[in-house]
Amino acid sequence: MDARPTFMGCYNDYHVTPTESAPSSGLSWTWVSWPMRDLPSVSILSDNSIASCGKVASSQGSVLFGMSKSLECWYGNPTTFEETMAELRTRGLSTSCDAPCTGDETAICGGTDGSISMYSFRAKQ
């Protein structure tokens, strides 16, 4: 995989509210196989950034990853790269990616409405 991920865009995304609330400190827990998401796994990162989320995604062999709600890092390879990007394109680009990352406030980690900042370790097509 390339060392630097490519920004693919900000997309409208399905959002599923968890039944558990996040701990108030020391966030570093993971939901796996989350339903109704194109990227099936999520880590909640207190230091979420493009670099930290990319590192988690890469360590799991994921080509795509996305960030939402400042601290959610979504990753996984449930379908092909092309199918996942096609599905996101049908939902449309979002203008709601405005949530600063918890680990780098100069970067954007999706939106509070569930919109998702998508990145890939493949070249943009």
N, C-alpha and C. Protein backbone atom coordinates (compact mmCIF):
# COMPACT_ATOMS: atom_id res chain seq x y z
N MET A 1 0.83 -1.18 0.00
CA MET A 1 0.00 0.00 0.00
C MET A 1 0.87 1.24 0.00
N ASP A 2 0.38 2.29 -0.63
CA ASP A 2 1.10 3.55 -0.62
C ASP A 2 1.15 4.09 0.80
N ALA A 3 2.22 4.84 1.09
CA ALA A 3 2.38 5.40 2.43
C ALA A 3 1.38 6.51 2.71
N ARG A 4 1.01 7.27 1.69
CA ARG A 4 0.10 8.40 1.89
C ARG A 4 -1.26 8.09 1.29
N PRO A 5 -2.30 8.21 2.08
CA PRO A 5 -3.64 7.99 1.53
C PRO A 5 -4.10 9.16 0.67
N THR A 6 -4.99 8.88 -0.25
CA THR A 6 -5.57 9.88 -1.14
C THR A 6 -6.96 10.23 -0.63
N PHE A 7 -7.27 11.53 -0.53
CA PHE A 7 -8.61 11.96 -0.14
C PHE A 7 -9.57 11.68 -1.29
N MET A 8 -10.65 10.95 -1.01
CA MET A 8 -11.61 10.56 -2.03
C MET A 8 -12.85 11.46 -2.04
N GLY A 9 -13.07 12.19 -0.95
CA GLY A 9 -14.22 13.08 -0.87
C GLY A 9 -14.98 12.94 0.43
N CYS A 10 -15.91 13.83 0.62
CA CYS A 10 -16.83 13.80 1.77
C CYS A 10 -18.17 13.30 1.25
N TYR A 11 -18.65 12.22 1.83
CA TYR A 11 -19.88 11.59 1.34
C TYR A 11 -20.94 11.50 2.41
N ASN A 12 -22.20 11.50 1.95
CA ASN A 12 -23.31 11.19 2.84
C ASN A 12 -23.17 9.72 3.19
N ASP A 13 -23.40 9.36 4.42
CA ASP A 13 -23.23 7.98 4.84
C ASP A 13 -24.37 7.58 5.76
N TYR A 14 -24.68 6.31 5.74
CA TYR A 14 -25.65 5.80 6.70
C TYR A 14 -25.05 5.93 8.08
N HIS A 15 -25.88 6.19 9.05
CA HIS A 15 -25.37 6.27 10.41
C HIS A 15 -26.21 5.36 11.29
N VAL A 16 -25.53 4.58 12.09
CA VAL A 16 -26.18 3.71 13.05
C VAL A 16 -25.70 4.14 14.42
N THR A 17 -26.63 4.46 15.31
CA THR A 17 -26.26 4.89 16.65
C THR A 17 -25.97 3.66 17.51
N PRO A 18 -24.83 3.65 18.17
CA PRO A 18 -24.50 2.49 19.01
C PRO A 18 -25.41 2.41 20.22
N THR A 19 -25.57 1.20 20.75
CA THR A 19 -26.38 1.02 21.94
C THR A 19 -25.56 1.32 23.19
N GLU A 20 -24.24 1.27 23.07
CA GLU A 20 -23.37 1.60 24.20
C GLU A 20 -22.83 3.01 24.01
N SER A 21 -22.63 3.71 25.09
CA SER A 21 -22.01 5.02 24.97
C SER A 21 -20.51 4.87 25.17
N ALA A 22 -19.77 5.77 24.56
CA ALA A 22 -18.31 5.72 24.65
C ALA A 22 -17.87 6.09 26.06
N PRO A 23 -16.80 5.48 26.54
CA PRO A 23 -16.27 5.90 27.84
C PRO A 23 -15.83 7.36 27.77
N SER A 24 -15.89 8.06 28.88
CA SER A 24 -15.60 9.48 28.86
C SER A 24 -14.11 9.80 28.69
N SER A 25 -13.26 8.84 28.94
CA SER A 25 -11.83 9.09 28.74
C SER A 25 -11.15 7.81 28.28
N GLY A 26 -9.97 7.95 27.72
CA GLY A 26 -9.22 6.79 27.27
C GLY A 26 -9.87 6.05 26.13
N LEU A 27 -10.46 6.77 25.19
CA LEU A 27 -11.17 6.13 24.09
C LEU A 27 -10.22 5.32 23.23
N SER A 28 -10.43 4.03 23.16
CA SER A 28 -9.64 3.17 22.29
C SER A 28 -10.32 1.81 22.16
N TRP A 29 -11.61 1.82 21.93
CA TRP A 29 -12.34 0.57 21.80
C TRP A 29 -12.86 0.41 20.39
N THR A 30 -13.27 -0.78 20.05
CA THR A 30 -13.61 -1.11 18.67
C THR A 30 -14.93 -1.86 18.59
N TRP A 31 -15.76 -1.46 17.61
CA TRP A 31 -16.92 -2.25 17.22
C TRP A 31 -16.50 -2.99 15.96
N VAL A 32 -16.86 -4.22 15.83
CA VAL A 32 -16.50 -4.98 14.62
C VAL A 32 -17.77 -5.43 13.93
N SER A 33 -17.72 -5.47 12.60
CA SER A 33 -18.85 -5.91 11.77
C SER A 33 -20.11 -5.12 12.05
N TRP A 34 -19.99 -3.81 12.07
CA TRP A 34 -21.11 -2.92 12.30
C TRP A 34 -22.07 -3.00 11.11
N PRO A 35 -23.33 -3.20 11.33
CA PRO A 35 -24.26 -3.36 10.20
C PRO A 35 -24.52 -2.06 9.45
N MET A 36 -24.89 -2.18 8.20
CA MET A 36 -25.35 -1.08 7.36
C MET A 36 -24.28 -0.04 7.05
N ARG A 37 -23.04 -0.42 7.09
CA ARG A 37 -21.96 0.46 6.71
C ARG A 37 -21.19 -0.21 5.58
N ASP A 38 -20.68 0.58 4.67
CA ASP A 38 -19.84 0.02 3.62
C ASP A 38 -18.51 -0.44 4.18
N LEU A 39 -18.04 0.21 5.21
CA LEU A 39 -16.82 -0.19 5.89
C LEU A 39 -17.25 -0.79 7.23
N PRO A 40 -17.07 -2.10 7.40
CA PRO A 40 -17.74 -2.80 8.50
C PRO A 40 -17.12 -2.67 9.88
N SER A 41 -15.92 -2.13 10.02
CA SER A 41 -15.28 -2.06 11.33
C SER A 41 -15.00 -0.62 11.70
N VAL A 42 -15.07 -0.33 12.99
CA VAL A 42 -14.82 1.03 13.46
C VAL A 42 -13.99 0.99 14.73
N SER A 43 -13.07 1.91 14.85
CA SER A 43 -12.33 2.14 16.09
C SER A 43 -12.64 3.57 16.52
N ILE A 44 -12.81 3.76 17.80
CA ILE A 44 -13.02 5.08 18.36
C ILE A 44 -11.65 5.54 18.88
N LEU A 45 -11.12 6.58 18.26
CA LEU A 45 -9.76 7.02 18.56
C LEU A 45 -9.75 8.39 19.21
N SER A 46 -9.22 8.46 20.42
CA SER A 46 -9.13 9.76 21.09
C SER A 46 -8.12 10.66 20.38
N ASP A 47 -7.24 10.06 19.58
CA ASP A 47 -6.24 10.83 18.82
C ASP A 47 -6.48 10.68 17.32
N ASN A 48 -7.74 10.63 16.89
CA ASN A 48 -8.06 10.38 15.49
C ASN A 48 -7.48 11.46 14.59
N SER A 49 -6.86 11.00 13.52
CA SER A 49 -6.31 11.88 12.49
C SER A 49 -6.22 11.05 11.22
N ILE A 50 -5.88 11.70 10.12
CA ILE A 50 -5.71 10.96 8.87
C ILE A 50 -4.63 9.90 9.06
N ALA A 51 -3.54 10.27 9.72
CA ALA A 51 -2.43 9.34 9.93
C ALA A 51 -2.81 8.19 10.85
N SER A 52 -3.46 8.48 11.99
CA SER A 52 -3.77 7.40 12.94
C SER A 52 -4.85 6.47 12.40
N CYS A 53 -5.85 7.01 11.74
CA CYS A 53 -6.90 6.16 11.17
C CYS A 53 -6.31 5.33 10.02
N GLY A 54 -5.48 5.97 9.20
CA GLY A 54 -4.83 5.24 8.12
C GLY A 54 -3.97 4.11 8.62
N LYS A 55 -3.31 4.33 9.75
CA LYS A 55 -2.45 3.29 10.34
C LYS A 55 -3.30 2.10 10.80
N VAL A 56 -4.43 2.39 11.46
CA VAL A 56 -5.34 1.31 11.89
C VAL A 56 -5.85 0.54 10.68
N ALA A 57 -6.32 1.28 9.67
CA ALA A 57 -6.87 0.65 8.46
C ALA A 57 -5.82 -0.20 7.76
N SER A 58 -4.64 0.35 7.60
CA SER A 58 -3.56 -0.35 6.92
C SER A 58 -3.17 -1.63 7.67
N SER A 59 -3.14 -1.55 9.00
CA SER A 59 -2.77 -2.72 9.80
C SER A 59 -3.78 -3.86 9.65
N GLN A 60 -5.00 -3.52 9.24
CA GLN A 60 -6.04 -4.51 9.03
C GLN A 60 -6.18 -4.91 7.56
N GLY A 61 -5.29 -4.38 6.71
CA GLY A 61 -5.31 -4.71 5.29
C GLY A 61 -6.38 -3.98 4.50
N SER A 62 -6.91 -2.91 5.05
CA SER A 62 -7.98 -2.16 4.38
C SER A 62 -7.41 -1.17 3.38
N VAL A 63 -7.98 -1.14 2.19
CA VAL A 63 -7.58 -0.19 1.15
C VAL A 63 -8.30 1.14 1.33
N LEU A 64 -9.54 1.10 1.84
CA LEU A 64 -10.34 2.30 2.09
C LEU A 64 -10.49 2.53 3.58
N PHE A 65 -10.57 3.80 3.96
CA PHE A 65 -10.96 4.12 5.33
C PHE A 65 -11.66 5.46 5.33
N GLY A 66 -12.48 5.67 6.34
CA GLY A 66 -13.22 6.92 6.44
C GLY A 66 -13.31 7.36 7.89
N MET A 67 -13.52 8.66 8.07
CA MET A 67 -13.61 9.21 9.41
C MET A 67 -14.90 10.01 9.53
N SER A 68 -15.53 9.87 10.70
CA SER A 68 -16.80 10.55 10.95
C SER A 68 -16.86 10.97 12.41
N LYS A 69 -17.59 12.05 12.67
CA LYS A 69 -17.86 12.52 14.03
C LYS A 69 -16.60 12.77 14.85
N SER A 70 -15.55 13.24 14.22
CA SER A 70 -14.28 13.60 14.87
C SER A 70 -13.45 12.41 15.34
N LEU A 71 -14.07 11.38 15.90
CA LEU A 71 -13.29 10.30 16.51
C LEU A 71 -13.57 8.90 15.97
N GLU A 72 -14.48 8.76 15.02
CA GLU A 72 -14.75 7.44 14.44
C GLU A 72 -13.82 7.19 13.26
N CYS A 73 -13.18 6.03 13.26
CA CYS A 73 -12.30 5.60 12.18
C CYS A 73 -12.88 4.30 11.60
N TRP A 74 -13.45 4.38 10.40
CA TRP A 74 -14.10 3.24 9.74
C TRP A 74 -13.15 2.62 8.73
N TYR A 75 -13.14 1.29 8.66
CA TYR A 75 -12.25 0.60 7.74
C TYR A 75 -12.79 -0.80 7.46
N GLY A 76 -12.14 -1.50 6.57
CA GLY A 76 -12.54 -2.86 6.23
C GLY A 76 -12.74 -3.00 4.74
N ASN A 77 -12.80 -4.21 4.26
CA ASN A 77 -12.94 -4.49 2.83
C ASN A 77 -14.14 -5.41 2.59
N PRO A 78 -15.36 -4.91 2.81
CA PRO A 78 -16.53 -5.78 2.65
C PRO A 78 -16.85 -6.09 1.20
N THR A 79 -16.53 -5.19 0.29
CA THR A 79 -16.79 -5.37 -1.14
C THR A 79 -15.55 -4.89 -1.87
N THR A 80 -15.60 -4.86 -3.16
CA THR A 80 -14.46 -4.35 -3.90
C THR A 80 -14.37 -2.84 -3.74
N PHE A 81 -13.21 -2.32 -3.99
CA PHE A 81 -12.98 -0.87 -3.96
C PHE A 81 -13.99 -0.16 -4.84
N GLU A 82 -14.15 -0.66 -6.07
CA GLU A 82 -15.05 -0.03 -7.05
C GLU A 82 -16.50 -0.05 -6.57
N GLU A 83 -16.95 -1.17 -5.99
CA GLU A 83 -18.34 -1.26 -5.51
C GLU A 83 -18.59 -0.30 -4.36
N THR A 84 -17.63 -0.22 -3.44
CA THR A 84 -17.80 0.68 -2.29
C THR A 84 -17.86 2.13 -2.74
N MET A 85 -16.95 2.53 -3.63
CA MET A 85 -16.94 3.91 -4.11
C MET A 85 -18.20 4.21 -4.93
N ALA A 86 -18.67 3.25 -5.71
CA ALA A 86 -19.90 3.45 -6.49
C ALA A 86 -21.09 3.66 -5.55
N GLU A 87 -21.16 2.89 -4.47
CA GLU A 87 -22.25 3.04 -3.51
C GLU A 87 -22.20 4.42 -2.85
N LEU A 88 -21.02 4.86 -2.47
CA LEU A 88 -20.89 6.19 -1.87
C LEU A 88 -21.30 7.28 -2.86
N ARG A 89 -20.93 7.12 -4.12
CA ARG A 89 -21.29 8.12 -5.13
C ARG A 89 -22.81 8.20 -5.31
N THR A 90 -23.52 7.07 -5.17
CA THR A 90 -24.98 7.12 -5.31
C THR A 90 -25.61 7.92 -4.17
N ARG A 91 -24.98 7.94 -3.01
CA ARG A 91 -25.49 8.74 -1.89
C ARG A 91 -25.16 10.20 -2.06
N GLY A 92 -24.11 10.47 -2.83
CA GLY A 92 -23.76 11.85 -3.13
C GLY A 92 -22.72 12.44 -2.21
N LEU A 93 -22.06 13.46 -2.74
CA LEU A 93 -21.09 14.19 -1.95
C LEU A 93 -21.82 15.01 -0.89
N SER A 94 -21.18 15.20 0.22
CA SER A 94 -21.75 15.98 1.31
C SER A 94 -20.94 17.25 1.51
N THR A 95 -21.58 18.28 1.97
CA THR A 95 -20.88 19.51 2.34
C THR A 95 -20.79 19.63 3.86
N SER A 96 -21.10 18.53 4.55
CA SER A 96 -21.17 18.56 6.02
C SER A 96 -19.93 18.03 6.73
N CYS A 97 -18.86 17.78 6.01
CA CYS A 97 -17.63 17.35 6.68
C CYS A 97 -16.97 18.59 7.28
N ASP A 98 -17.25 18.80 8.56
CA ASP A 98 -16.76 19.99 9.23
C ASP A 98 -16.31 19.71 10.66
N ALA A 99 -16.16 18.44 11.01
CA ALA A 99 -15.77 18.07 12.37
C ALA A 99 -14.25 17.89 12.45
N PRO A 100 -13.57 18.72 13.23
CA PRO A 100 -12.12 18.57 13.35
C PRO A 100 -11.76 17.23 13.99
N CYS A 101 -10.66 16.66 13.56
CA CYS A 101 -10.19 15.39 14.12
C CYS A 101 -9.76 15.60 15.57
N THR A 102 -9.99 14.60 16.40
CA THR A 102 -9.61 14.69 17.81
C THR A 102 -8.10 14.72 18.00
N GLY A 103 -7.35 14.16 17.04
CA GLY A 103 -5.90 14.12 17.16
C GLY A 103 -5.17 15.14 16.31
N ASP A 104 -5.90 15.88 15.48
CA ASP A 104 -5.31 16.91 14.62
C ASP A 104 -6.41 17.86 14.22
N GLU A 105 -6.57 18.92 14.98
CA GLU A 105 -7.68 19.85 14.74
C GLU A 105 -7.57 20.64 13.45
N THR A 106 -6.44 20.52 12.75
CA THR A 106 -6.31 21.17 11.44
C THR A 106 -6.86 20.29 10.33
N ALA A 107 -7.16 19.04 10.64
CA ALA A 107 -7.73 18.09 9.67
C ALA A 107 -9.20 17.86 9.97
N ILE A 108 -9.95 17.45 8.96
CA ILE A 108 -11.39 17.20 9.11
C ILE A 108 -11.66 15.70 9.15
N CYS A 109 -12.39 15.27 10.15
CA CYS A 109 -12.77 13.87 10.32
C CYS A 109 -14.28 13.73 10.18
N GLY A 110 -14.78 13.93 8.97
CA GLY A 110 -16.21 13.78 8.70
C GLY A 110 -17.04 14.88 9.29
N GLY A 111 -18.31 14.56 9.53
CA GLY A 111 -19.23 15.53 10.09
C GLY A 111 -19.99 14.96 11.26
N THR A 112 -20.58 15.82 12.06
CA THR A 112 -21.35 15.36 13.22
C THR A 112 -22.66 14.71 12.80
N ASP A 113 -23.07 14.91 11.54
CA ASP A 113 -24.31 14.32 11.03
C ASP A 113 -24.10 12.92 10.48
N GLY A 114 -22.88 12.39 10.58
CA GLY A 114 -22.60 11.06 10.05
C GLY A 114 -21.95 11.08 8.67
N SER A 115 -21.77 12.27 8.08
CA SER A 115 -21.05 12.32 6.81
C SER A 115 -19.63 11.82 7.05
N ILE A 116 -19.03 11.28 6.01
CA ILE A 116 -17.76 10.58 6.18
C ILE A 116 -16.70 11.09 5.21
N SER A 117 -15.53 11.41 5.75
CA SER A 117 -14.36 11.80 4.95
C SER A 117 -13.68 10.50 4.53
N MET A 118 -13.66 10.22 3.22
CA MET A 118 -13.13 8.96 2.71
C MET A 118 -11.72 9.12 2.18
N TYR A 119 -10.88 8.13 2.48
CA TYR A 119 -9.50 8.08 2.02
C TYR A 119 -9.22 6.69 1.46
N SER A 120 -8.23 6.63 0.59
CA SER A 120 -7.84 5.36 -0.02
C SER A 120 -6.33 5.29 -0.16
N PHE A 121 -5.82 4.07 -0.09
CA PHE A 121 -4.42 3.84 -0.36
C PHE A 121 -4.19 3.55 -1.84
N ARG A 122 -5.25 3.70 -2.65
CA ARG A 122 -5.15 3.57 -4.10
C ARG A 122 -5.30 4.95 -4.72
N ALA A 123 -4.84 5.10 -5.94
CA ALA A 123 -4.97 6.38 -6.65
C ALA A 123 -6.43 6.68 -6.92
N LYS A 124 -6.80 7.95 -6.85
CA LYS A 124 -8.18 8.38 -7.12
C LYS A 124 -8.54 8.09 -8.57
N GLN A 125 -9.75 7.54 -8.77
CA GLN A 125 -10.19 7.18 -10.11
C GLN A 125 -11.34 8.06 -10.53
